[in-house]
Amino acid sequence: MVRTDAYAGSSISAGQLKLRIKYTAKTFFDWTGGRNLVVRDDKTGTVVYKVDIKPGDPQDGEQEVVLNTGVSMQAGHSYTVTAPLHFARLMAPPWAVNAINKGNWTFSVK
């Protein structure tokens, strides 16, 4: 389950982007290396944020992951969030997180 301040199809005000992802169980990030969550500016094609959460990160073991990206979102732009299969692992069934594919999670900035 995914929840964020910039949820799919939303329109948010310009400012700092904070992504909030709530999973069905607590996470762990062992065996997830190199599987980056990426935020891309659809207007320019530029990757504006990329993260590969490592084991031992403060987010490790949490059910809700909050990423304070430090990225300023530009008014009039839309953004897409993607992440590959197994970006995070879960401590309960279904054990792994499905991919966030292009088009699943997009938002625009007013």
PDB file of N, CA and C in Angstrom:
ATOM      1  N   MET A   1       0.843  -1.161   0.000  1.00  0.00           N
ATOM      2  CA  MET A   1       0.000   0.000   0.000  1.00  0.00           C
ATOM      3  C   MET A   1       0.900   1.238   0.000  1.00  0.00           C
ATOM      4  N   VAL A   2       0.582   2.195  -0.817  1.00  0.00           N
ATOM      5  CA  VAL A   2       1.401   3.399  -0.936  1.00  0.00           C
ATOM      6  C   VAL A   2       0.575   4.622  -0.575  1.00  0.00           C
ATOM      7  N   ARG A   3       1.121   5.469   0.275  1.00  0.00           N
ATOM      8  CA  ARG A   3       0.483   6.738   0.598  1.00  0.00           C
ATOM      9  C   ARG A   3       1.576   7.799   0.605  1.00  0.00           C
ATOM     10  N   THR A   4       1.258   8.953   0.110  1.00  0.00           N
ATOM     11  CA  THR A   4       2.268  10.004   0.043  1.00  0.00           C
ATOM     12  C   THR A   4       1.631  11.373   0.086  1.00  0.00           C
ATOM     13  N   ASP A   5       2.438  12.382   0.377  1.00  0.00           N
ATOM     14  CA  ASP A   5       1.951  13.751   0.294  1.00  0.00           C
ATOM     15  C   ASP A   5       1.666  14.107  -1.158  1.00  0.00           C
ATOM     16  N   ALA A   6       2.351  13.440  -2.073  1.00  0.00           N
ATOM     17  CA  ALA A   6       2.146  13.611  -3.509  1.00  0.00           C
ATOM     18  C   ALA A   6       1.628  12.282  -4.044  1.00  0.00           C
ATOM     19  N   TYR A   7       0.361  12.011  -3.817  1.00  0.00           N
ATOM     20  CA  TYR A   7      -0.192  10.734  -4.237  1.00  0.00           C
ATOM     21  C   TYR A   7      -0.501  10.739  -5.727  1.00  0.00           C
ATOM     22  N   ALA A   8      -0.690   9.568  -6.283  1.00  0.00           N
ATOM     23  CA  ALA A   8      -0.924   9.422  -7.715  1.00  0.00           C
ATOM     24  C   ALA A   8      -2.085  10.292  -8.172  1.00  0.00           C
ATOM     25  N   GLY A   9      -1.840  11.071  -9.208  1.00  0.00           N
ATOM     26  CA  GLY A   9      -2.863  11.917  -9.800  1.00  0.00           C
ATOM     27  C   GLY A   9      -3.102  13.223  -9.064  1.00  0.00           C
ATOM     28  N   SER A  10      -2.357  13.492  -8.010  1.00  0.00           N
ATOM     29  CA  SER A  10      -2.593  14.698  -7.231  1.00  0.00           C
ATOM     30  C   SER A  10      -1.938  15.914  -7.867  1.00  0.00           C
ATOM     31  N   SER A  11      -2.357  17.065  -7.393  1.00  0.00           N
ATOM     32  CA  SER A  11      -1.745  18.332  -7.773  1.00  0.00           C
ATOM     33  C   SER A  11      -1.364  19.021  -6.477  1.00  0.00           C
ATOM     34  N   ILE A  12      -0.065  19.259  -6.287  1.00  0.00           N
ATOM     35  CA  ILE A  12       0.424  19.828  -5.046  1.00  0.00           C
ATOM     36  C   ILE A  12       1.023  21.203  -5.293  1.00  0.00           C
ATOM     37  N   SER A  13       1.218  21.960  -4.224  1.00  0.00           N
ATOM     38  CA  SER A  13       1.853  23.273  -4.334  1.00  0.00           C
ATOM     39  C   SER A  13       3.355  23.109  -4.464  1.00  0.00           C
ATOM     40  N   ALA A  14       3.990  24.074  -5.131  1.00  0.00           N
ATOM     41  CA  ALA A  14       5.447  24.045  -5.282  1.00  0.00           C
ATOM     42  C   ALA A  14       6.095  24.083  -3.907  1.00  0.00           C
ATOM     43  N   GLY A  15       7.239  23.460  -3.762  1.00  0.00           N
ATOM     44  CA  GLY A  15       7.956  23.427  -2.491  1.00  0.00           C
ATOM     45  C   GLY A  15       8.780  22.161  -2.388  1.00  0.00           C
ATOM     46  N   GLN A  16       9.206  21.840  -1.185  1.00  0.00           N
ATOM     47  CA  GLN A  16      10.027  20.664  -0.942  1.00  0.00           C
ATOM     48  C   GLN A  16       9.166  19.401  -1.009  1.00  0.00           C
ATOM     49  N   LEU A  17       9.657  18.394  -1.723  1.00  0.00           N
ATOM     50  CA  LEU A  17       8.923  17.143  -1.875  1.00  0.00           C
ATOM     51  C   LEU A  17       9.229  16.203  -0.724  1.00  0.00           C
ATOM     52  N   LYS A  18       8.180  15.688  -0.098  1.00  0.00           N
ATOM     53  CA  LYS A  18       8.313  14.649   0.916  1.00  0.00           C
ATOM     54  C   LYS A  18       7.471  13.465   0.439  1.00  0.00           C
ATOM     55  N   LEU A  19       8.113  12.320   0.258  1.00  0.00           N
ATOM     56  CA  LEU A  19       7.409  11.110  -0.143  1.00  0.00           C
ATOM     57  C   LEU A  19       7.150  10.265   1.096  1.00  0.00           C
ATOM     58  N   ARG A  20       5.932   9.770   1.200  1.00  0.00           N
ATOM     59  CA  ARG A  20       5.534   8.959   2.345  1.00  0.00           C
ATOM     60  C   ARG A  20       4.942   7.674   1.786  1.00  0.00           C
ATOM     61  N   ILE A  21       5.561   6.548   2.124  1.00  0.00           N
ATOM     62  CA  ILE A  21       5.112   5.251   1.614  1.00  0.00           C
ATOM     63  C   ILE A  21       4.746   4.379   2.803  1.00  0.00           C
ATOM     64  N   LYS A  22       3.503   3.912   2.838  1.00  0.00           N
ATOM     65  CA  LYS A  22       3.066   3.031   3.922  1.00  0.00           C
ATOM     66  C   LYS A  22       2.866   1.628   3.354  1.00  0.00           C
ATOM     67  N   TYR A  23       3.579   0.682   3.931  1.00  0.00           N
ATOM     68  CA  TYR A  23       3.520  -0.715   3.493  1.00  0.00           C
ATOM     69  C   TYR A  23       2.570  -1.507   4.375  1.00  0.00           C
ATOM     70  N   THR A  24       2.250  -2.715   3.954  1.00  0.00           N
ATOM     71  CA  THR A  24       1.339  -3.584   4.706  1.00  0.00           C
ATOM     72  C   THR A  24       2.025  -4.243   5.897  1.00  0.00           C
ATOM     73  N   ALA A  25       3.350  -4.169   5.953  1.00  0.00           N
ATOM     74  CA  ALA A  25       4.120  -4.746   7.062  1.00  0.00           C
ATOM     75  C   ALA A  25       5.407  -3.944   7.216  1.00  0.00           C
ATOM     76  N   LYS A  26       6.148  -4.206   8.282  1.00  0.00           N
ATOM     77  CA  LYS A  26       7.435  -3.537   8.465  1.00  0.00           C
ATOM     78  C   LYS A  26       8.400  -3.936   7.358  1.00  0.00           C
ATOM     79  N   THR A  27       9.286  -3.009   7.033  1.00  0.00           N
ATOM     80  CA  THR A  27      10.232  -3.219   5.930  1.00  0.00           C
ATOM     81  C   THR A  27      11.590  -3.667   6.439  1.00  0.00           C
ATOM     82  N   PHE A  28      12.367  -4.243   5.514  1.00  0.00           N
ATOM     83  CA  PHE A  28      13.802  -4.383   5.728  1.00  0.00           C
ATOM     84  C   PHE A  28      14.454  -4.252   4.368  1.00  0.00           C
ATOM     85  N   PHE A  29      15.688  -3.820   4.349  1.00  0.00           N
ATOM     86  CA  PHE A  29      16.340  -3.474   3.092  1.00  0.00           C
ATOM     87  C   PHE A  29      17.563  -4.331   2.788  1.00  0.00           C
ATOM     88  N   ASP A  30      17.645  -5.504   3.424  1.00  0.00           N
ATOM     89  CA  ASP A  30      18.669  -6.476   3.043  1.00  0.00           C
ATOM     90  C   ASP A  30      18.309  -7.013   1.661  1.00  0.00           C
ATOM     91  N   TRP A  31      19.285  -7.284   0.852  1.00  0.00           N
ATOM     92  CA  TRP A  31      19.107  -7.859  -0.489  1.00  0.00           C
ATOM     93  C   TRP A  31      18.303  -6.965  -1.431  1.00  0.00           C
ATOM     94  N   THR A  32      18.349  -5.664  -1.217  1.00  0.00           N
ATOM     95  CA  THR A  32      17.654  -4.736  -2.109  1.00  0.00           C
ATOM     96  C   THR A  32      18.630  -3.787  -2.804  1.00  0.00           C
ATOM     97  N   GLY A  33      19.919  -3.962  -2.611  1.00  0.00           N
ATOM     98  CA  GLY A  33      20.936  -3.050  -3.139  1.00  0.00           C
ATOM     99  C   GLY A  33      20.799  -2.796  -4.634  1.00  0.00           C
ATOM    100  N   GLY A  34      20.932  -1.534  -5.002  1.00  0.00           N
ATOM    101  CA  GLY A  34      20.866  -1.153  -6.410  1.00  0.00           C
ATOM    102  C   GLY A  34      19.464  -0.985  -6.949  1.00  0.00           C
ATOM    103  N   ARG A  35      18.468  -1.184  -6.117  1.00  0.00           N
ATOM    104  CA  ARG A  35      17.076  -1.013  -6.554  1.00  0.00           C
ATOM    105  C   ARG A  35      16.597   0.353  -6.080  1.00  0.00           C
ATOM    106  N   ASN A  36      16.755   1.329  -6.922  1.00  0.00           N
ATOM    107  CA  ASN A  36      16.492   2.723  -6.571  1.00  0.00           C
ATOM    108  C   ASN A  36      15.048   3.141  -6.790  1.00  0.00           C
ATOM    109  N   LEU A  37      14.526   3.930  -5.856  1.00  0.00           N
ATOM    110  CA  LEU A  37      13.295   4.673  -6.080  1.00  0.00           C
ATOM    111  C   LEU A  37      13.731   5.958  -6.767  1.00  0.00           C
ATOM    112  N   VAL A  38      13.062   6.305  -7.865  1.00  0.00           N
ATOM    113  CA  VAL A  38      13.460   7.447  -8.690  1.00  0.00           C
ATOM    114  C   VAL A  38      12.275   8.378  -8.894  1.00  0.00           C
ATOM    115  N   VAL A  39      12.526   9.688  -8.791  1.00  0.00           N
ATOM    116  CA  VAL A  39      11.529  10.712  -9.138  1.00  0.00           C
ATOM    117  C   VAL A  39      12.078  11.460 -10.345  1.00  0.00           C
ATOM    118  N   ARG A  40      11.285  11.481 -11.423  1.00  0.00           N
ATOM    119  CA  ARG A  40      11.710  12.118 -12.670  1.00  0.00           C
ATOM    120  C   ARG A  40      10.764  13.254 -13.024  1.00  0.00           C
ATOM    121  N   ASP A  41      11.334  14.376 -13.443  1.00  0.00           N
ATOM    122  CA  ASP A  41      10.564  15.512 -13.944  1.00  0.00           C
ATOM    123  C   ASP A  41      10.105  15.148 -15.356  1.00  0.00           C
ATOM    124  N   ASP A  42       8.802  15.007 -15.555  1.00  0.00           N
ATOM    125  CA  ASP A  42       8.276  14.598 -16.864  1.00  0.00           C
ATOM    126  C   ASP A  42       8.518  15.644 -17.941  1.00  0.00           C
ATOM    127  N   LYS A  43       8.581  16.911 -17.555  1.00  0.00           N
ATOM    128  CA  LYS A  43       8.750  17.992 -18.529  1.00  0.00           C
ATOM    129  C   LYS A  43      10.163  18.000 -19.110  1.00  0.00           C
ATOM    130  N   THR A  44      11.170  17.748 -18.246  1.00  0.00           N
ATOM    131  CA  THR A  44      12.567  17.815 -18.693  1.00  0.00           C
ATOM    132  C   THR A  44      13.207  16.444 -18.873  1.00  0.00           C
ATOM    133  N   GLY A  45      12.589  15.406 -18.286  1.00  0.00           N
ATOM    134  CA  GLY A  45      13.175  14.066 -18.329  1.00  0.00           C
ATOM    135  C   GLY A  45      14.282  13.858 -17.311  1.00  0.00           C
ATOM    136  N   THR A  46      14.554  14.863 -16.499  1.00  0.00           N
ATOM    137  CA  THR A  46      15.639  14.823 -15.531  1.00  0.00           C
ATOM    138  C   THR A  46      15.253  14.035 -14.280  1.00  0.00           C
ATOM    139  N   VAL A  47      16.177  13.212 -13.802  1.00  0.00           N
ATOM    140  CA  VAL A  47      15.995  12.559 -12.512  1.00  0.00           C
ATOM    141  C   VAL A  47      16.277  13.600 -11.440  1.00  0.00           C
ATOM    142  N   VAL A  48      15.270  13.907 -10.613  1.00  0.00           N
ATOM    143  CA  VAL A  48      15.433  14.932  -9.584  1.00  0.00           C
ATOM    144  C   VAL A  48      15.713  14.331  -8.209  1.00  0.00           C
ATOM    145  N   TYR A  49      15.451  13.036  -8.057  1.00  0.00           N
ATOM    146  CA  TYR A  49      15.710  12.365  -6.780  1.00  0.00           C
ATOM    147  C   TYR A  49      15.871  10.882  -7.038  1.00  0.00           C
ATOM    148  N   LYS A  50      16.837  10.284  -6.346  1.00  0.00           N
ATOM    149  CA  LYS A  50      17.063   8.844  -6.450  1.00  0.00           C
ATOM    150  C   LYS A  50      17.568   8.363  -5.105  1.00  0.00           C
ATOM    151  N   VAL A  51      17.022   7.257  -4.612  1.00  0.00           N
ATOM    152  CA  VAL A  51      17.456   6.725  -3.321  1.00  0.00           C
ATOM    153  C   VAL A  51      17.477   5.198  -3.369  1.00  0.00           C
ATOM    154  N   ASP A  52      18.495   4.642  -2.752  1.00  0.00           N
ATOM    155  CA  ASP A  52      18.625   3.202  -2.528  1.00  0.00           C
ATOM    156  C   ASP A  52      18.809   3.052  -1.017  1.00  0.00           C
ATOM    157  N   ILE A  53      17.731   2.729  -0.314  1.00  0.00           N
ATOM    158  CA  ILE A  53      17.792   2.649   1.142  1.00  0.00           C
ATOM    159  C   ILE A  53      18.615   1.421   1.531  1.00  0.00           C
ATOM    160  N   LYS A  54      19.556   1.632   2.421  1.00  0.00           N
ATOM    161  CA  LYS A  54      20.497   0.595   2.843  1.00  0.00           C
ATOM    162  C   LYS A  54      20.057  -0.049   4.163  1.00  0.00           C
ATOM    163  N   PRO A  55      20.466  -1.293   4.413  1.00  0.00           N
ATOM    164  CA  PRO A  55      20.213  -1.904   5.714  1.00  0.00           C
ATOM    165  C   PRO A  55      20.813  -1.023   6.819  1.00  0.00           C
ATOM    166  N   GLY A  56      20.090  -0.867   7.909  1.00  0.00           N
ATOM    167  CA  GLY A  56      20.560  -0.040   9.008  1.00  0.00           C
ATOM    168  C   GLY A  56      20.124   1.409   8.924  1.00  0.00           C
ATOM    169  N   ASP A  57      19.556   1.821   7.797  1.00  0.00           N
ATOM    170  CA  ASP A  57      19.012   3.172   7.650  1.00  0.00           C
ATOM    171  C   ASP A  57      17.897   3.363   8.686  1.00  0.00           C
ATOM    172  N   PRO A  58      17.683   4.593   9.163  1.00  0.00           N
ATOM    173  CA  PRO A  58      16.591   4.813  10.120  1.00  0.00           C
ATOM    174  C   PRO A  58      15.226   4.336   9.611  1.00  0.00           C
ATOM    175  N   GLN A  59      15.038   4.249   8.292  1.00  0.00           N
ATOM    176  CA  GLN A  59      13.765   3.781   7.723  1.00  0.00           C
ATOM    177  C   GLN A  59      13.636   2.257   7.813  1.00  0.00           C
ATOM    178  N   ASP A  60      14.760   1.560   7.970  1.00  0.00           N
ATOM    179  CA  ASP A  60      14.793   0.093   8.027  1.00  0.00           C
ATOM    180  C   ASP A  60      13.991  -0.386   9.234  1.00  0.00           C
ATOM    181  N   GLY A  61      13.070  -1.313   9.017  1.00  0.00           N
ATOM    182  CA  GLY A  61      12.260  -1.851  10.101  1.00  0.00           C
ATOM    183  C   GLY A  61      10.979  -1.092  10.365  1.00  0.00           C
ATOM    184  N   GLU A  62      10.725  -0.046   9.599  1.00  0.00           N
ATOM    185  CA  GLU A  62       9.507   0.752   9.771  1.00  0.00           C
ATOM    186  C   GLU A  62       8.432   0.306   8.788  1.00  0.00           C
ATOM    187  N   GLN A  63       7.170   0.490   9.157  1.00  0.00           N
ATOM    188  CA  GLN A  63       6.072   0.193   8.235  1.00  0.00           C
ATOM    189  C   GLN A  63       5.811   1.369   7.313  1.00  0.00           C
ATOM    190  N   GLU A  64       6.117   2.567   7.784  1.00  0.00           N
ATOM    191  CA  GLU A  64       5.958   3.757   6.961  1.00  0.00           C
ATOM    192  C   GLU A  64       7.336   4.362   6.717  1.00  0.00           C
ATOM    193  N   VAL A  65       7.667   4.556   5.455  1.00  0.00           N
ATOM    194  CA  VAL A  65       8.940   5.145   5.066  1.00  0.00           C
ATOM    195  C   VAL A  65       8.669   6.579   4.630  1.00  0.00           C
ATOM    196  N   VAL A  66       9.389   7.536   5.227  1.00  0.00           N
ATOM    197  CA  VAL A  66       9.230   8.947   4.892  1.00  0.00           C
ATOM    198  C   VAL A  66      10.553   9.443   4.327  1.00  0.00           C
ATOM    199  N   LEU A  67      10.512   9.926   3.095  1.00  0.00           N
ATOM    200  CA  LEU A  67      11.712  10.406   2.417  1.00  0.00           C
ATOM    201  C   LEU A  67      11.614  11.910   2.251  1.00  0.00           C
ATOM    202  N   ASN A  68      12.376  12.642   3.056  1.00  0.00           N
ATOM    203  CA  ASN A  68      12.470  14.093   2.911  1.00  0.00           C
ATOM    204  C   ASN A  68      13.522  14.339   1.838  1.00  0.00           C
ATOM    205  N   THR A  69      13.085  14.534   0.628  1.00  0.00           N
ATOM    206  CA  THR A  69      13.981  14.530  -0.526  1.00  0.00           C
ATOM    207  C   THR A  69      14.880  15.756  -0.622  1.00  0.00           C
ATOM    208  N   GLY A  70      14.442  16.886  -0.068  1.00  0.00           N
ATOM    209  CA  GLY A  70      15.209  18.116  -0.227  1.00  0.00           C
ATOM    210  C   GLY A  70      15.102  18.690  -1.631  1.00  0.00           C
ATOM    211  N   VAL A  71      14.254  18.101  -2.460  1.00  0.00           N
ATOM    212  CA  VAL A  71      14.078  18.529  -3.854  1.00  0.00           C
ATOM    213  C   VAL A  71      12.961  19.559  -3.930  1.00  0.00           C
ATOM    214  N   SER A  72      13.220  20.676  -4.592  1.00  0.00           N
ATOM    215  CA  SER A  72      12.196  21.689  -4.822  1.00  0.00           C
ATOM    216  C   SER A  72      11.425  21.356  -6.086  1.00  0.00           C
ATOM    217  N   MET A  73      10.137  21.223  -5.955  1.00  0.00           N
ATOM    218  CA  MET A  73       9.278  20.931  -7.091  1.00  0.00           C
ATOM    219  C   MET A  73       8.932  22.232  -7.798  1.00  0.00           C
ATOM    220  N   GLN A  74       8.934  22.208  -9.114  1.00  0.00           N
ATOM    221  CA  GLN A  74       8.670  23.411  -9.899  1.00  0.00           C
ATOM    222  C   GLN A  74       7.211  23.471 -10.342  1.00  0.00           C
ATOM    223  N   ALA A  75       6.608  24.641 -10.168  1.00  0.00           N
ATOM    224  CA  ALA A  75       5.229  24.852 -10.607  1.00  0.00           C
ATOM    225  C   ALA A  75       5.120  24.616 -12.107  1.00  0.00           C
ATOM    226  N   GLY A  76       4.027  23.993 -12.525  1.00  0.00           N
ATOM    227  CA  GLY A  76       3.787  23.720 -13.939  1.00  0.00           C
ATOM    228  C   GLY A  76       4.433  22.445 -14.439  1.00  0.00           C
ATOM    229  N   HIS A  77       5.114  21.726 -13.573  1.00  0.00           N
ATOM    230  CA  HIS A  77       5.752  20.470 -13.966  1.00  0.00           C
ATOM    231  C   HIS A  77       4.973  19.290 -13.395  1.00  0.00           C
ATOM    232  N   SER A  78       5.084  18.153 -14.053  1.00  0.00           N
ATOM    233  CA  SER A  78       4.553  16.907 -13.505  1.00  0.00           C
ATOM    234  C   SER A  78       5.731  15.975 -13.270  1.00  0.00           C
ATOM    235  N   TYR A  79       5.548  15.033 -12.359  1.00  0.00           N
ATOM    236  CA  TYR A  79       6.621  14.140 -11.926  1.00  0.00           C
ATOM    237  C   TYR A  79       6.115  12.707 -11.894  1.00  0.00           C
ATOM    238  N   THR A  80       7.031  11.778 -12.102  1.00  0.00           N
ATOM    239  CA  THR A  80       6.731  10.351 -12.057  1.00  0.00           C
ATOM    240  C   THR A  80       7.671   9.683 -11.067  1.00  0.00           C
ATOM    241  N   VAL A  81       7.113   8.826 -10.214  1.00  0.00           N
ATOM    242  CA  VAL A  81       7.891   8.035  -9.265  1.00  0.00           C
ATOM    243  C   VAL A  81       7.914   6.602  -9.773  1.00  0.00           C
ATOM    244  N   THR A  82       9.104   6.003  -9.815  1.00  0.00           N
ATOM    245  CA  THR A  82       9.238   4.596 -10.200  1.00  0.00           C
ATOM    246  C   THR A  82      10.177   3.890  -9.219  1.00  0.00           C
ATOM    247  N   ALA A  83      10.010   2.594  -9.096  1.00  0.00           N
ATOM    248  CA  ALA A  83      10.903   1.760  -8.291  1.00  0.00           C
ATOM    249  C   ALA A  83      10.777   0.330  -8.812  1.00  0.00           C
ATOM    250  N   PRO A  84      11.878  -0.409  -8.860  1.00  0.00           N
ATOM    251  CA  PRO A  84      11.826  -1.769  -9.374  1.00  0.00           C
ATOM    252  C   PRO A  84      11.252  -2.758  -8.353  1.00  0.00           C
ATOM    253  N   LEU A  85      10.942  -3.935  -8.839  1.00  0.00           N
ATOM    254  CA  LEU A  85      10.519  -5.043  -7.988  1.00  0.00           C
ATOM    255  C   LEU A  85      11.543  -5.228  -6.878  1.00  0.00           C
ATOM    256  N   HIS A  86      11.079  -5.443  -5.666  1.00  0.00           N
ATOM    257  CA  HIS A  86      11.913  -5.685  -4.484  1.00  0.00           C
ATOM    258  C   HIS A  86      12.702  -4.456  -4.055  1.00  0.00           C
ATOM    259  N   PHE A  87      12.195  -3.263  -4.345  1.00  0.00           N
ATOM    260  CA  PHE A  87      12.811  -2.041  -3.820  1.00  0.00           C
ATOM    261  C   PHE A  87      12.907  -2.135  -2.297  1.00  0.00           C
ATOM    262  N   ALA A  88      11.899  -2.737  -1.687  1.00  0.00           N
ATOM    263  CA  ALA A  88      11.894  -2.993  -0.247  1.00  0.00           C
ATOM    264  C   ALA A  88      11.394  -4.417  -0.032  1.00  0.00           C
ATOM    265  N   ARG A  89      11.778  -5.001   1.077  1.00  0.00           N
ATOM    266  CA  ARG A  89      11.277  -6.314   1.494  1.00  0.00           C
ATOM    267  C   ARG A  89      10.389  -6.104   2.710  1.00  0.00           C
ATOM    268  N   LEU A  90       9.456  -7.027   2.913  1.00  0.00           N
ATOM    269  CA  LEU A  90       8.527  -6.943   4.030  1.00  0.00           C
ATOM    270  C   LEU A  90       8.767  -8.081   5.008  1.00  0.00           C
ATOM    271  N   MET A  91       8.459  -7.832   6.275  1.00  0.00           N
ATOM    272  CA  MET A  91       8.655  -8.837   7.322  1.00  0.00           C
ATOM    273  C   MET A  91       7.439  -9.737   7.507  1.00  0.00           C
ATOM    274  N   ALA A  92       6.514  -9.717   6.551  1.00  0.00           N
ATOM    275  CA  ALA A  92       5.310 -10.544   6.589  1.00  0.00           C
ATOM    276  C   ALA A  92       4.820 -10.711   5.152  1.00  0.00           C
ATOM    277  N   PRO A  93       3.919 -11.657   4.901  1.00  0.00           N
ATOM    278  CA  PRO A  93       3.409 -11.809   3.536  1.00  0.00           C
ATOM    279  C   PRO A  93       2.866 -10.489   3.018  1.00  0.00           C
ATOM    280  N   PRO A  94       3.091 -10.154   1.805  1.00  0.00           N
ATOM    281  CA  PRO A  94       3.618 -10.937   0.687  1.00  0.00           C
ATOM    282  C   PRO A  94       5.149 -10.961   0.590  1.00  0.00           C
ATOM    283  N   TRP A  95       5.876 -10.484   1.569  1.00  0.00           N
ATOM    284  CA  TRP A  95       7.338 -10.560   1.698  1.00  0.00           C
ATOM    285  C   TRP A  95       8.107  -9.609   0.791  1.00  0.00           C
ATOM    286  N   ALA A  96       7.614  -9.304  -0.380  1.00  0.00           N
ATOM    287  CA  ALA A  96       8.329  -8.418  -1.310  1.00  0.00           C
ATOM    288  C   ALA A  96       7.371  -7.347  -1.817  1.00  0.00           C
ATOM    289  N   VAL A  97       7.944  -6.242  -2.249  1.00  0.00           N
ATOM    290  CA  VAL A  97       7.166  -5.116  -2.752  1.00  0.00           C
ATOM    291  C   VAL A  97       7.200  -5.143  -4.276  1.00  0.00           C
ATOM    292  N   ASN A  98       6.043  -5.006  -4.889  1.00  0.00           N
ATOM    293  CA  ASN A  98       5.973  -4.957  -6.355  1.00  0.00           C
ATOM    294  C   ASN A  98       6.608  -3.683  -6.884  1.00  0.00           C
ATOM    295  N   ALA A  99       6.900  -3.691  -8.157  1.00  0.00           N
ATOM    296  CA  ALA A  99       7.476  -2.517  -8.820  1.00  0.00           C
ATOM    297  C   ALA A  99       6.454  -1.382  -8.862  1.00  0.00           C
ATOM    298  N   ILE A 100       6.964  -0.167  -8.840  1.00  0.00           N
ATOM    299  CA  ILE A 100       6.162   1.021  -9.130  1.00  0.00           C
ATOM    300  C   ILE A 100       6.554   1.399 -10.550  1.00  0.00           C
ATOM    301  N   ASN A 101       5.707   1.075 -11.492  1.00  0.00           N
ATOM    302  CA  ASN A 101       6.023   1.283 -12.907  1.00  0.00           C
ATOM    303  C   ASN A 101       5.652   2.684 -13.364  1.00  0.00           C
ATOM    304  N   LYS A 102       6.264   3.109 -14.453  1.00  0.00           N
ATOM    305  CA  LYS A 102       5.955   4.413 -15.032  1.00  0.00           C
ATOM    306  C   LYS A 102       4.455   4.494 -15.284  1.00  0.00           C
ATOM    307  N   GLY A 103       3.855   5.571 -14.826  1.00  0.00           N
ATOM    308  CA  GLY A 103       2.416   5.755 -14.984  1.00  0.00           C
ATOM    309  C   GLY A 103       1.613   5.364 -13.753  1.00  0.00           C
ATOM    310  N   ASN A 104       2.201   4.551 -12.834  1.00  0.00           N
ATOM    311  CA  ASN A 104       1.490   4.165 -11.606  1.00  0.00           C
ATOM    312  C   ASN A 104       1.391   5.311 -10.612  1.00  0.00           C
ATOM    313  N   TRP A 105       2.442   6.135 -10.539  1.00  0.00           N
ATOM    314  CA  TRP A 105       2.504   7.170  -9.511  1.00  0.00           C
ATOM    315  C   TRP A 105       3.029   8.444 -10.153  1.00  0.00           C
ATOM    316  N   THR A 106       2.117   9.323 -10.542  1.00  0.00           N
ATOM    317  CA  THR A 106       2.476  10.614 -11.125  1.00  0.00           C
ATOM    318  C   THR A 106       1.723  11.707 -10.368  1.00  0.00           C
ATOM    319  N   PHE A 107       2.274  12.879 -10.356  1.00  0.00           N
ATOM    320  CA  PHE A 107       1.616  14.018  -9.727  1.00  0.00           C
ATOM    321  C   PHE A 107       2.091  15.280 -10.413  1.00  0.00           C
ATOM    322  N   SER A 108       1.318  16.341 -10.268  1.00  0.00           N
ATOM    323  CA  SER A 108       1.694  17.627 -10.885  1.00  0.00           C
ATOM    324  C   SER A 108       1.809  18.691  -9.801  1.00  0.00           C
ATOM    325  N   VAL A 109       2.491  19.775 -10.151  1.00  0.00           N
ATOM    326  CA  VAL A 109       2.719  20.869  -9.213  1.00  0.00           C
ATOM    327  C   VAL A 109       2.001  22.111  -9.753  1.00  0.00           C
ATOM    328  N   LYS A 110       1.179  22.735  -8.894  1.00  0.00           N
ATOM    329  CA  LYS A 110       0.414  23.926  -9.284  1.00  0.00           C
ATOM    330  C   LYS A 110       1.323  25.127  -9.420  1.00  0.00           C
TER     331      LYS A 110
END
